[in-house]
Amino acid sequence: MKLDDVLLYPALNELRQQMGTDQLGDFRLFDPQKMLNYSERESLEQAQLRLSAADLKVLKDKTLAYKNSRLWVEHDDKFHLAYCEQMQGVRHRQKNVRCGSEQPPEELEVCLQCLSLLHYEGVDARRIRRNEFTDQVQERFELDAFQRQFPFYPLL
């Protein structure tokens, strides 16, 4: 099937000029219910996005997400990356939480239950009971390395 060249239709070209476009392009529908807008992305990058825990999604791999981005969630001096027992309680009680997508503040430690749930770098429930192991994991944890395995944005 051969399609007509739309550039040959004066009415369509006039409409395109009224829209302020001089080239044909690839247009995607933006759904604000499913996709982060610019201010939300900026807030996530600055670790300043606050939302109800009920708005969080739990992905199939058990990581936490909001709209089309994975994120970390602050709760009880820790940052959570997965739907661990603590996050289940927070989400059930619909508490407001602070979220981010870049490096969390230094005073926050990574939640070992989250890493165990994700089996991240060999962390499991049995091993996190040993203090020397947990100290080592928390010291070595890097969000950048985690994001290579679990990319934050955009979710595909």
N, C-alpha and C. Protein backbone atom coordinates (compact mmCIF):
# COMPACT_ATOMS: atom_id res chain seq x y z
N MET A 1 0.84 -1.17 0.00
CA MET A 1 0.00 0.00 0.00
C MET A 1 0.89 1.24 0.00
N LYS A 2 0.57 2.17 -0.90
CA LYS A 2 1.35 3.39 -1.00
C LYS A 2 0.57 4.53 -0.37
N LEU A 3 1.25 5.28 0.50
CA LEU A 3 0.62 6.42 1.15
C LEU A 3 0.97 7.71 0.42
N ASP A 4 0.02 8.63 0.41
CA ASP A 4 0.27 9.94 -0.20
C ASP A 4 1.25 10.74 0.65
N ASP A 5 1.99 11.59 0.00
CA ASP A 5 2.91 12.49 0.71
C ASP A 5 2.08 13.63 1.31
N VAL A 6 2.05 13.69 2.63
CA VAL A 6 1.21 14.70 3.30
C VAL A 6 1.72 16.11 3.07
N LEU A 7 2.98 16.26 2.66
CA LEU A 7 3.52 17.59 2.39
C LEU A 7 2.92 18.22 1.14
N LEU A 8 2.20 17.42 0.34
CA LEU A 8 1.60 17.93 -0.88
C LEU A 8 0.23 18.56 -0.63
N TYR A 9 -0.28 18.50 0.59
CA TYR A 9 -1.60 19.03 0.91
C TYR A 9 -1.45 20.40 1.57
N PRO A 10 -1.85 21.47 0.88
CA PRO A 10 -1.68 22.83 1.42
C PRO A 10 -2.39 23.04 2.77
N ALA A 11 -3.54 22.46 2.98
CA ALA A 11 -4.27 22.66 4.24
C ALA A 11 -3.47 22.08 5.42
N LEU A 12 -2.87 20.93 5.22
CA LEU A 12 -2.06 20.33 6.28
C LEU A 12 -0.78 21.14 6.54
N ASN A 13 -0.18 21.66 5.46
CA ASN A 13 1.01 22.48 5.63
C ASN A 13 0.68 23.78 6.36
N GLU A 14 -0.46 24.36 6.07
CA GLU A 14 -0.89 25.58 6.77
C GLU A 14 -1.12 25.30 8.25
N LEU A 15 -1.74 24.20 8.54
CA LEU A 15 -1.98 23.81 9.94
C LEU A 15 -0.66 23.58 10.66
N ARG A 16 0.27 22.95 9.99
CA ARG A 16 1.58 22.71 10.59
C ARG A 16 2.30 24.03 10.88
N GLN A 17 2.17 25.00 10.00
CA GLN A 17 2.77 26.32 10.24
C GLN A 17 2.10 27.03 11.41
N GLN A 18 0.78 26.90 11.53
CA GLN A 18 0.07 27.51 12.65
C GLN A 18 0.51 26.90 13.98
N MET A 19 0.87 25.65 13.94
CA MET A 19 1.33 24.97 15.16
C MET A 19 2.76 25.37 15.50
N GLY A 20 3.45 26.04 14.59
CA GLY A 20 4.81 26.49 14.87
C GLY A 20 5.87 25.44 14.64
N THR A 21 5.58 24.46 13.82
CA THR A 21 6.58 23.43 13.54
C THR A 21 7.01 23.54 12.09
N ASP A 22 8.29 23.42 11.87
CA ASP A 22 8.78 23.51 10.50
C ASP A 22 9.27 22.16 9.98
N GLN A 23 9.23 21.15 10.84
CA GLN A 23 9.66 19.81 10.43
C GLN A 23 8.64 18.78 10.87
N LEU A 24 8.65 17.66 10.17
CA LEU A 24 7.86 16.53 10.62
C LEU A 24 8.58 15.90 11.78
N GLY A 25 7.86 15.31 12.70
CA GLY A 25 8.54 14.77 13.86
C GLY A 25 7.88 13.53 14.42
N ASP A 26 8.46 13.07 15.47
CA ASP A 26 7.97 11.92 16.20
C ASP A 26 7.25 12.45 17.44
N PHE A 27 5.97 12.26 17.50
CA PHE A 27 5.19 12.80 18.59
C PHE A 27 4.72 11.67 19.49
N ARG A 28 4.86 11.87 20.79
CA ARG A 28 4.43 10.88 21.77
C ARG A 28 3.42 11.52 22.69
N LEU A 29 2.43 10.75 23.02
CA LEU A 29 1.42 11.23 23.93
C LEU A 29 1.99 11.24 25.34
N PHE A 30 1.85 12.35 26.04
CA PHE A 30 2.31 12.46 27.42
C PHE A 30 1.12 12.24 28.33
N ASP A 31 1.24 11.25 29.19
CA ASP A 31 0.18 10.95 30.14
C ASP A 31 0.68 11.31 31.54
N PRO A 32 0.21 12.42 32.13
CA PRO A 32 0.70 12.85 33.44
C PRO A 32 0.35 11.89 34.57
N GLN A 33 -0.57 10.97 34.34
CA GLN A 33 -0.89 9.96 35.35
C GLN A 33 0.14 8.84 35.38
N LYS A 34 0.86 8.67 34.26
CA LYS A 34 1.82 7.57 34.16
C LYS A 34 3.26 8.02 33.99
N MET A 35 3.47 9.29 33.64
CA MET A 35 4.81 9.77 33.35
C MET A 35 5.15 10.96 34.23
N LEU A 36 6.41 11.01 34.67
CA LEU A 36 6.86 12.14 35.47
C LEU A 36 6.90 13.40 34.61
N ASN A 37 6.44 14.51 35.18
CA ASN A 37 6.61 15.78 34.49
C ASN A 37 7.96 16.38 34.90
N TYR A 38 8.30 17.50 34.33
CA TYR A 38 9.61 18.09 34.57
C TYR A 38 9.83 18.43 36.04
N SER A 39 8.86 19.03 36.68
CA SER A 39 9.05 19.42 38.08
C SER A 39 9.16 18.20 39.00
N GLU A 40 8.46 17.12 38.69
CA GLU A 40 8.59 15.89 39.48
C GLU A 40 9.98 15.27 39.31
N ARG A 41 10.48 15.26 38.09
CA ARG A 41 11.83 14.72 37.84
C ARG A 41 12.88 15.56 38.56
N GLU A 42 12.71 16.88 38.51
CA GLU A 42 13.64 17.77 39.18
C GLU A 42 13.60 17.54 40.70
N SER A 43 12.41 17.40 41.26
CA SER A 43 12.27 17.14 42.69
C SER A 43 12.90 15.80 43.08
N LEU A 44 12.72 14.78 42.24
CA LEU A 44 13.34 13.48 42.51
C LEU A 44 14.87 13.58 42.50
N GLU A 45 15.41 14.31 41.54
CA GLU A 45 16.86 14.46 41.45
C GLU A 45 17.43 15.19 42.66
N GLN A 46 16.64 16.08 43.25
CA GLN A 46 17.09 16.84 44.42
C GLN A 46 16.64 16.19 45.74
N ALA A 47 16.07 14.99 45.66
CA ALA A 47 15.59 14.26 46.84
C ALA A 47 14.57 15.08 47.61
N GLN A 48 13.71 15.78 46.89
CA GLN A 48 12.71 16.63 47.53
C GLN A 48 11.28 16.26 47.15
N LEU A 49 11.09 15.15 46.47
CA LEU A 49 9.73 14.76 46.10
C LEU A 49 9.05 14.13 47.30
N ARG A 50 7.94 14.70 47.70
CA ARG A 50 7.16 14.17 48.83
C ARG A 50 5.83 13.72 48.28
N LEU A 51 5.46 12.51 48.67
CA LEU A 51 4.18 11.96 48.21
C LEU A 51 3.67 10.94 49.20
N SER A 52 2.43 10.57 49.03
CA SER A 52 1.85 9.54 49.88
C SER A 52 2.42 8.18 49.48
N ALA A 53 2.77 7.38 50.47
CA ALA A 53 3.32 6.06 50.17
C ALA A 53 2.33 5.20 49.38
N ALA A 54 1.05 5.52 49.48
CA ALA A 54 0.04 4.78 48.72
C ALA A 54 0.21 4.99 47.21
N ASP A 55 0.89 6.09 46.82
CA ASP A 55 1.11 6.37 45.40
C ASP A 55 2.29 5.59 44.82
N LEU A 56 3.06 4.93 45.67
CA LEU A 56 4.20 4.16 45.19
C LEU A 56 3.72 2.89 44.49
N LYS A 57 4.46 2.49 43.48
CA LYS A 57 4.19 1.22 42.81
C LYS A 57 5.26 0.23 43.22
N VAL A 58 4.88 -1.03 43.26
CA VAL A 58 5.85 -2.10 43.48
C VAL A 58 5.98 -2.85 42.17
N LEU A 59 7.18 -2.83 41.61
CA LEU A 59 7.40 -3.47 40.32
C LEU A 59 7.57 -4.98 40.50
N LYS A 60 7.56 -5.70 39.40
CA LYS A 60 7.69 -7.16 39.46
C LYS A 60 8.97 -7.62 40.14
N ASP A 61 10.02 -6.82 40.01
CA ASP A 61 11.29 -7.19 40.66
C ASP A 61 11.36 -6.73 42.11
N LYS A 62 10.25 -6.20 42.64
CA LYS A 62 10.09 -5.76 44.03
C LYS A 62 10.72 -4.40 44.32
N THR A 63 11.25 -3.70 43.30
CA THR A 63 11.75 -2.35 43.53
C THR A 63 10.57 -1.39 43.58
N LEU A 64 10.84 -0.19 44.13
CA LEU A 64 9.80 0.82 44.29
C LEU A 64 9.85 1.80 43.13
N ALA A 65 8.68 2.29 42.74
CA ALA A 65 8.61 3.22 41.62
C ALA A 65 7.47 4.21 41.84
N TYR A 66 7.60 5.31 41.15
CA TYR A 66 6.53 6.31 41.07
C TYR A 66 6.41 6.69 39.61
N LYS A 67 5.24 6.50 39.07
CA LYS A 67 4.98 6.71 37.64
C LYS A 67 5.97 5.90 36.82
N ASN A 68 6.84 6.55 36.03
CA ASN A 68 7.76 5.78 35.17
C ASN A 68 9.22 5.86 35.63
N SER A 69 9.41 5.88 36.96
CA SER A 69 10.76 5.95 37.49
C SER A 69 10.91 5.15 38.77
N ARG A 70 11.99 4.38 38.86
CA ARG A 70 12.35 3.78 40.14
C ARG A 70 12.86 4.89 41.04
N LEU A 71 12.85 4.63 42.35
CA LEU A 71 13.32 5.64 43.28
C LEU A 71 13.68 5.00 44.61
N TRP A 72 14.29 5.80 45.48
CA TRP A 72 14.50 5.38 46.86
C TRP A 72 13.55 6.18 47.73
N VAL A 73 13.20 5.61 48.88
CA VAL A 73 12.24 6.23 49.79
C VAL A 73 12.89 6.33 51.17
N GLU A 74 12.82 7.50 51.77
CA GLU A 74 13.37 7.70 53.11
C GLU A 74 12.34 7.30 54.17
N HIS A 75 12.82 6.51 55.15
CA HIS A 75 11.98 6.14 56.30
C HIS A 75 12.88 5.65 57.42
N ASP A 76 12.71 6.20 58.62
CA ASP A 76 13.46 5.79 59.82
C ASP A 76 14.98 5.77 59.61
N ASP A 77 15.54 6.87 59.15
CA ASP A 77 16.99 7.02 58.97
C ASP A 77 17.59 6.02 57.99
N LYS A 78 16.77 5.48 57.11
CA LYS A 78 17.25 4.57 56.07
C LYS A 78 16.64 4.99 54.74
N PHE A 79 17.27 4.55 53.67
CA PHE A 79 16.61 4.70 52.37
C PHE A 79 16.32 3.31 51.84
N HIS A 80 15.10 3.17 51.36
CA HIS A 80 14.58 1.88 50.91
C HIS A 80 14.52 1.86 49.39
N LEU A 81 14.89 0.73 48.84
CA LEU A 81 14.90 0.54 47.40
C LEU A 81 13.90 -0.51 46.94
N ALA A 82 13.33 -1.25 47.89
CA ALA A 82 12.43 -2.35 47.55
C ALA A 82 11.27 -2.39 48.54
N TYR A 83 10.35 -3.27 48.28
CA TYR A 83 9.13 -3.40 49.07
C TYR A 83 9.37 -4.36 50.24
N CYS A 84 10.24 -3.94 51.16
CA CYS A 84 10.55 -4.74 52.34
C CYS A 84 9.40 -4.64 53.35
N GLU A 85 9.53 -5.33 54.48
CA GLU A 85 8.48 -5.31 55.49
C GLU A 85 8.18 -3.91 56.01
N GLN A 86 9.24 -3.11 56.22
CA GLN A 86 9.01 -1.75 56.69
C GLN A 86 8.22 -0.93 55.68
N MET A 87 8.55 -1.07 54.41
CA MET A 87 7.84 -0.30 53.38
C MET A 87 6.40 -0.79 53.23
N GLN A 88 6.16 -2.06 53.47
CA GLN A 88 4.78 -2.56 53.43
C GLN A 88 3.94 -1.84 54.48
N GLY A 89 4.50 -1.68 55.68
CA GLY A 89 3.78 -0.99 56.75
C GLY A 89 3.57 0.48 56.43
N VAL A 90 4.59 1.12 55.89
CA VAL A 90 4.49 2.54 55.53
C VAL A 90 3.43 2.74 54.45
N ARG A 91 3.45 1.87 53.46
CA ARG A 91 2.48 2.00 52.36
C ARG A 91 1.07 1.70 52.84
N HIS A 92 0.93 0.73 53.72
CA HIS A 92 -0.40 0.37 54.25
C HIS A 92 -0.98 1.52 55.06
N ARG A 93 -0.13 2.20 55.85
CA ARG A 93 -0.60 3.32 56.66
C ARG A 93 -0.71 4.62 55.86
N GLN A 94 -0.33 4.58 54.60
CA GLN A 94 -0.41 5.71 53.68
C GLN A 94 0.30 6.95 54.23
N LYS A 95 1.48 6.75 54.79
CA LYS A 95 2.28 7.86 55.29
C LYS A 95 2.84 8.66 54.12
N ASN A 96 3.15 9.93 54.40
CA ASN A 96 3.86 10.74 53.43
C ASN A 96 5.35 10.45 53.56
N VAL A 97 6.02 10.34 52.42
CA VAL A 97 7.43 9.98 52.40
C VAL A 97 8.20 10.91 51.48
N ARG A 98 9.51 10.99 51.73
CA ARG A 98 10.40 11.75 50.86
C ARG A 98 11.11 10.76 49.95
N CYS A 99 11.19 11.11 48.68
CA CYS A 99 11.77 10.20 47.69
C CYS A 99 12.86 10.91 46.89
N GLY A 100 13.72 10.12 46.28
CA GLY A 100 14.76 10.66 45.44
C GLY A 100 15.23 9.65 44.43
N SER A 101 16.02 10.14 43.47
CA SER A 101 16.57 9.25 42.45
C SER A 101 18.08 9.38 42.35
N GLU A 102 18.65 10.38 42.98
CA GLU A 102 20.10 10.56 43.00
C GLU A 102 20.62 10.12 44.35
N GLN A 103 21.88 10.37 44.62
CA GLN A 103 22.51 9.93 45.87
C GLN A 103 21.74 10.47 47.08
N PRO A 104 21.33 9.58 47.99
CA PRO A 104 20.60 10.02 49.18
C PRO A 104 21.53 10.75 50.15
N PRO A 105 20.98 11.51 51.09
CA PRO A 105 21.82 12.19 52.08
C PRO A 105 22.72 11.20 52.82
N GLU A 106 23.91 11.65 53.20
CA GLU A 106 24.89 10.75 53.83
C GLU A 106 24.43 10.18 55.16
N GLU A 107 23.54 10.88 55.85
CA GLU A 107 23.10 10.38 57.16
C GLU A 107 22.16 9.17 57.04
N LEU A 108 21.69 8.89 55.84
CA LEU A 108 20.81 7.73 55.64
C LEU A 108 21.63 6.50 55.26
N GLU A 109 21.26 5.36 55.83
CA GLU A 109 21.88 4.10 55.47
C GLU A 109 20.95 3.32 54.56
N VAL A 110 21.52 2.48 53.73
CA VAL A 110 20.70 1.64 52.86
C VAL A 110 20.02 0.58 53.72
N CYS A 111 18.79 0.25 53.39
CA CYS A 111 18.04 -0.78 54.11
C CYS A 111 18.53 -2.15 53.65
N LEU A 112 19.05 -2.91 54.59
CA LEU A 112 19.57 -4.24 54.27
C LEU A 112 18.46 -5.22 53.92
N GLN A 113 17.28 -5.04 54.49
CA GLN A 113 16.15 -5.91 54.12
C GLN A 113 15.81 -5.74 52.64
N CYS A 114 15.90 -4.51 52.16
CA CYS A 114 15.63 -4.27 50.74
C CYS A 114 16.65 -5.01 49.87
N LEU A 115 17.93 -4.88 50.21
CA LEU A 115 18.98 -5.55 49.44
C LEU A 115 18.81 -7.06 49.50
N SER A 116 18.39 -7.57 50.67
CA SER A 116 18.15 -9.00 50.83
C SER A 116 16.99 -9.46 49.95
N LEU A 117 15.93 -8.68 49.93
CA LEU A 117 14.76 -9.02 49.12
C LEU A 117 15.12 -9.09 47.63
N LEU A 118 16.03 -8.20 47.22
CA LEU A 118 16.46 -8.16 45.82
C LEU A 118 17.62 -9.11 45.52
N HIS A 119 18.16 -9.75 46.56
CA HIS A 119 19.35 -10.60 46.44
C HIS A 119 20.48 -9.83 45.77
N TYR A 120 20.63 -8.57 46.16
CA TYR A 120 21.63 -7.70 45.56
C TYR A 120 23.02 -8.06 46.06
N GLU A 121 23.91 -8.39 45.15
CA GLU A 121 25.29 -8.75 45.42
C GLU A 121 25.44 -9.78 46.54
N GLY A 122 24.60 -10.80 46.52
CA GLY A 122 24.72 -11.90 47.46
C GLY A 122 24.16 -11.64 48.85
N VAL A 123 23.49 -10.53 49.04
CA VAL A 123 22.90 -10.23 50.35
C VAL A 123 21.65 -11.08 50.51
N ASP A 124 21.57 -11.79 51.64
CA ASP A 124 20.36 -12.56 51.93
C ASP A 124 20.03 -12.43 53.41
N ALA A 125 18.86 -12.91 53.81
CA ALA A 125 18.38 -12.75 55.18
C ALA A 125 19.32 -13.37 56.21
N ARG A 126 19.96 -14.47 55.86
CA ARG A 126 20.87 -15.14 56.79
C ARG A 126 22.14 -14.32 57.00
N ARG A 127 22.67 -13.77 55.93
CA ARG A 127 23.93 -13.04 56.02
C ARG A 127 23.79 -11.68 56.69
N ILE A 128 22.61 -11.04 56.60
CA ILE A 128 22.49 -9.71 57.20
C ILE A 128 22.41 -9.76 58.72
N ARG A 129 22.35 -10.96 59.29
CA ARG A 129 22.34 -11.08 60.75
C ARG A 129 23.76 -10.94 61.34
N ARG A 130 24.77 -11.03 60.49
CA ARG A 130 26.15 -10.90 60.96
C ARG A 130 26.58 -9.44 60.86
N ASN A 131 26.96 -8.87 61.99
CA ASN A 131 27.30 -7.44 62.05
C ASN A 131 28.45 -7.05 61.13
N GLU A 132 29.49 -7.85 61.07
CA GLU A 132 30.63 -7.50 60.23
C GLU A 132 30.24 -7.47 58.74
N PHE A 133 29.34 -8.35 58.37
CA PHE A 133 28.87 -8.37 56.98
C PHE A 133 28.02 -7.13 56.69
N THR A 134 27.09 -6.80 57.57
CA THR A 134 26.20 -5.65 57.34
C THR A 134 26.99 -4.35 57.30
N ASP A 135 27.99 -4.20 58.16
CA ASP A 135 28.82 -2.99 58.14
C ASP A 135 29.54 -2.86 56.80
N GLN A 136 30.05 -3.98 56.33
CA GLN A 136 30.79 -3.98 55.06
C GLN A 136 29.86 -3.63 53.89
N VAL A 137 28.66 -4.18 53.87
CA VAL A 137 27.71 -3.91 52.79
C VAL A 137 27.32 -2.44 52.79
N GLN A 138 27.03 -1.90 53.97
CA GLN A 138 26.62 -0.50 54.04
C GLN A 138 27.74 0.45 53.65
N GLU A 139 28.97 0.12 53.98
CA GLU A 139 30.10 0.96 53.59
C GLU A 139 30.35 0.91 52.09
N ARG A 140 30.20 -0.26 51.49
CA ARG A 140 30.51 -0.44 50.07
C ARG A 140 29.37 -0.07 49.13
N PHE A 141 28.15 0.05 49.64
CA PHE A 141 27.01 0.26 48.77
C PHE A 141 27.15 1.57 47.99
N GLU A 142 26.93 1.49 46.69
CA GLU A 142 26.93 2.67 45.82
C GLU A 142 25.67 2.66 44.99
N LEU A 143 24.94 3.76 45.06
CA LEU A 143 23.68 3.86 44.31
C LEU A 143 23.92 3.76 42.81
N ASP A 144 25.04 4.31 42.33
CA ASP A 144 25.33 4.24 40.89
C ASP A 144 25.44 2.80 40.40
N ALA A 145 26.10 1.96 41.18
CA ALA A 145 26.22 0.54 40.81
C ALA A 145 24.86 -0.13 40.86
N PHE A 146 24.08 0.20 41.86
CA PHE A 146 22.72 -0.35 41.96
C PHE A 146 21.89 0.05 40.74
N GLN A 147 22.02 1.30 40.31
CA GLN A 147 21.24 1.80 39.17
C GLN A 147 21.65 1.15 37.86
N ARG A 148 22.86 0.64 37.79
CA ARG A 148 23.25 -0.09 36.57
C ARG A 148 22.47 -1.41 36.46
N GLN A 149 22.21 -2.02 37.60
CA GLN A 149 21.44 -3.26 37.60
C GLN A 149 19.94 -2.99 37.56
N PHE A 150 19.51 -1.93 38.21
CA PHE A 150 18.09 -1.54 38.27
C PHE A 150 17.98 -0.09 37.82
N PRO A 151 17.96 0.17 36.50
CA PRO A 151 17.91 1.55 36.01
C PRO A 151 16.67 2.28 36.56
N PHE A 152 16.89 3.53 36.99
CA PHE A 152 15.81 4.29 37.61
C PHE A 152 14.87 4.94 36.58
N TYR A 153 15.44 5.59 35.56
CA TYR A 153 14.58 6.32 34.63
C TYR A 153 15.10 6.18 33.23
N PRO A 154 14.26 6.03 32.27
CA PRO A 154 12.82 5.71 32.36
C PRO A 154 12.63 4.21 32.52
N LEU A 155 11.52 3.87 33.09
CA LEU A 155 11.18 2.44 33.16
C LEU A 155 10.75 2.00 31.78
N LEU A 156 11.22 0.87 31.37
CA LEU A 156 10.86 0.36 30.03
C LEU A 156 9.74 -0.65 30.11
